[in-house]
C-alpha atoms as a PDB file:
ATOM      1  CA  MET A   1      -4.422  14.041   5.613  1.00  0.00           C
ATOM      2  CA  GLU A   2      -4.939  11.032   7.822  1.00  0.00           C
ATOM      3  CA  LYS A   3      -2.251   9.417   9.928  1.00  0.00           C
ATOM      4  CA  VAL A   4       0.132   7.030   8.221  1.00  0.00           C
ATOM      5  CA  LYS A   5      -0.746   3.401   8.999  1.00  0.00           C
ATOM      6  CA  VAL A   6       1.966   0.730   8.969  1.00  0.00           C
ATOM      7  CA  PHE A   7       1.295  -3.012   9.075  1.00  0.00           C
ATOM      8  CA  TYR A   8       3.834  -5.838   9.191  1.00  0.00           C
ATOM      9  CA  ASP A   9       2.662  -9.352   8.356  1.00  0.00           C
ATOM     10  CA  ARG A  10       5.110 -11.802   9.930  1.00  0.00           C
ATOM     11  CA  GLN A  11       3.629 -14.834   8.226  1.00  0.00           C
ATOM     12  CA  GLY A  12       3.627 -13.269   4.758  1.00  0.00           C
ATOM     13  CA  ASN A  13       6.782 -11.235   5.489  1.00  0.00           C
ATOM     14  CA  THR A  14       5.240  -8.106   3.966  1.00  0.00           C
ATOM     15  CA  LEU A  15       5.249  -4.467   5.012  1.00  0.00           C
ATOM     16  CA  THR A  16       2.200  -2.367   4.100  1.00  0.00           C
ATOM     17  CA  VAL A  17       2.081   1.426   4.481  1.00  0.00           C
ATOM     18  CA  TRP A  18      -1.063   3.527   3.969  1.00  0.00           C
ATOM     19  CA  PHE A  19      -1.049   7.312   3.536  1.00  0.00           C
ATOM     20  CA  ASP A  20      -4.845   7.410   3.246  1.00  0.00           C
ATOM     21  CA  ASN A  21      -7.812   5.357   4.423  1.00  0.00           C
ATOM     22  CA  PRO A  22      -7.273   1.660   3.542  1.00  0.00           C
ATOM     23  CA  GLN A  23     -11.064   1.232   3.461  1.00  0.00           C
ATOM     24  CA  ASP A  24     -11.355   3.455   0.349  1.00  0.00           C
ATOM     25  CA  ASP A  25     -11.479   1.944  -3.136  1.00  0.00           C
ATOM     26  CA  TYR A  26      -8.060   1.506  -4.709  1.00  0.00           C
ATOM     27  CA  ILE A  27      -6.254  -0.236  -7.534  1.00  0.00           C
ATOM     28  CA  CYS A  28      -2.902  -2.010  -7.326  1.00  0.00           C
ATOM     29  CA  GLU A  29       0.088  -1.644  -9.603  1.00  0.00           C
ATOM     30  CA  GLU A  30       3.061  -3.971  -9.258  1.00  0.00           C
ATOM     31  CA  THR A  31       6.447  -2.362  -9.797  1.00  0.00           C
ATOM     32  CA  SER A  32       9.939  -3.774  -9.871  1.00  0.00           C
ATOM     33  CA  ASP A  33      11.709  -4.801  -6.665  1.00  0.00           C
ATOM     34  CA  GLU A  34       8.605  -6.551  -5.283  1.00  0.00           C
ATOM     35  CA  VAL A  35       6.732  -3.342  -4.469  1.00  0.00           C
ATOM     36  CA  ILE A  36       2.989  -2.927  -5.017  1.00  0.00           C
ATOM     37  CA  LEU A  37       1.537   0.580  -5.196  1.00  0.00           C
ATOM     38  CA  MET A  38      -2.033   1.186  -4.088  1.00  0.00           C
ATOM     39  CA  LYS A  39      -3.631   4.082  -5.978  1.00  0.00           C
ATOM     40  CA  ASP A  40      -6.943   5.876  -5.624  1.00  0.00           C
ATOM     41  CA  GLN A  41      -9.322   6.365  -8.553  1.00  0.00           C
ATOM     42  CA  SER A  42      -7.436   9.496  -9.686  1.00  0.00           C
ATOM     43  CA  GLY A  43      -4.133   7.579  -9.796  1.00  0.00           C
ATOM     44  CA  GLN A  44      -2.571   9.119  -6.699  1.00  0.00           C
ATOM     45  CA  VAL A  45      -0.531   6.729  -4.552  1.00  0.00           C
ATOM     46  CA  ILE A  46      -2.277   6.160  -1.228  1.00  0.00           C
ATOM     47  CA  GLY A  47      -0.100   3.285  -0.015  1.00  0.00           C
ATOM     48  CA  PHE A  48       2.414   0.602  -0.879  1.00  0.00           C
ATOM     49  CA  GLU A  49       3.310  -2.948   0.026  1.00  0.00           C
ATOM     50  CA  LYS A  50       6.849  -4.356   0.084  1.00  0.00           C
ATOM     51  CA  LEU A  51       7.054  -8.098  -0.522  1.00  0.00           C
ATOM     52  CA  ASN A  52       9.952 -10.232   0.711  1.00  0.00           C
END
């Protein structure tokens, strides 16, 4: 497993957390509470983004 990567975008006021390589292909799924899940091709969550 790679290191967890955390990014905060001050302008967009978003927090993005990656559990895997953000360069890999992924799909996004929006959930309730302004959270977006990033999933790999097998459907495993590899990151998320919290919108504010």
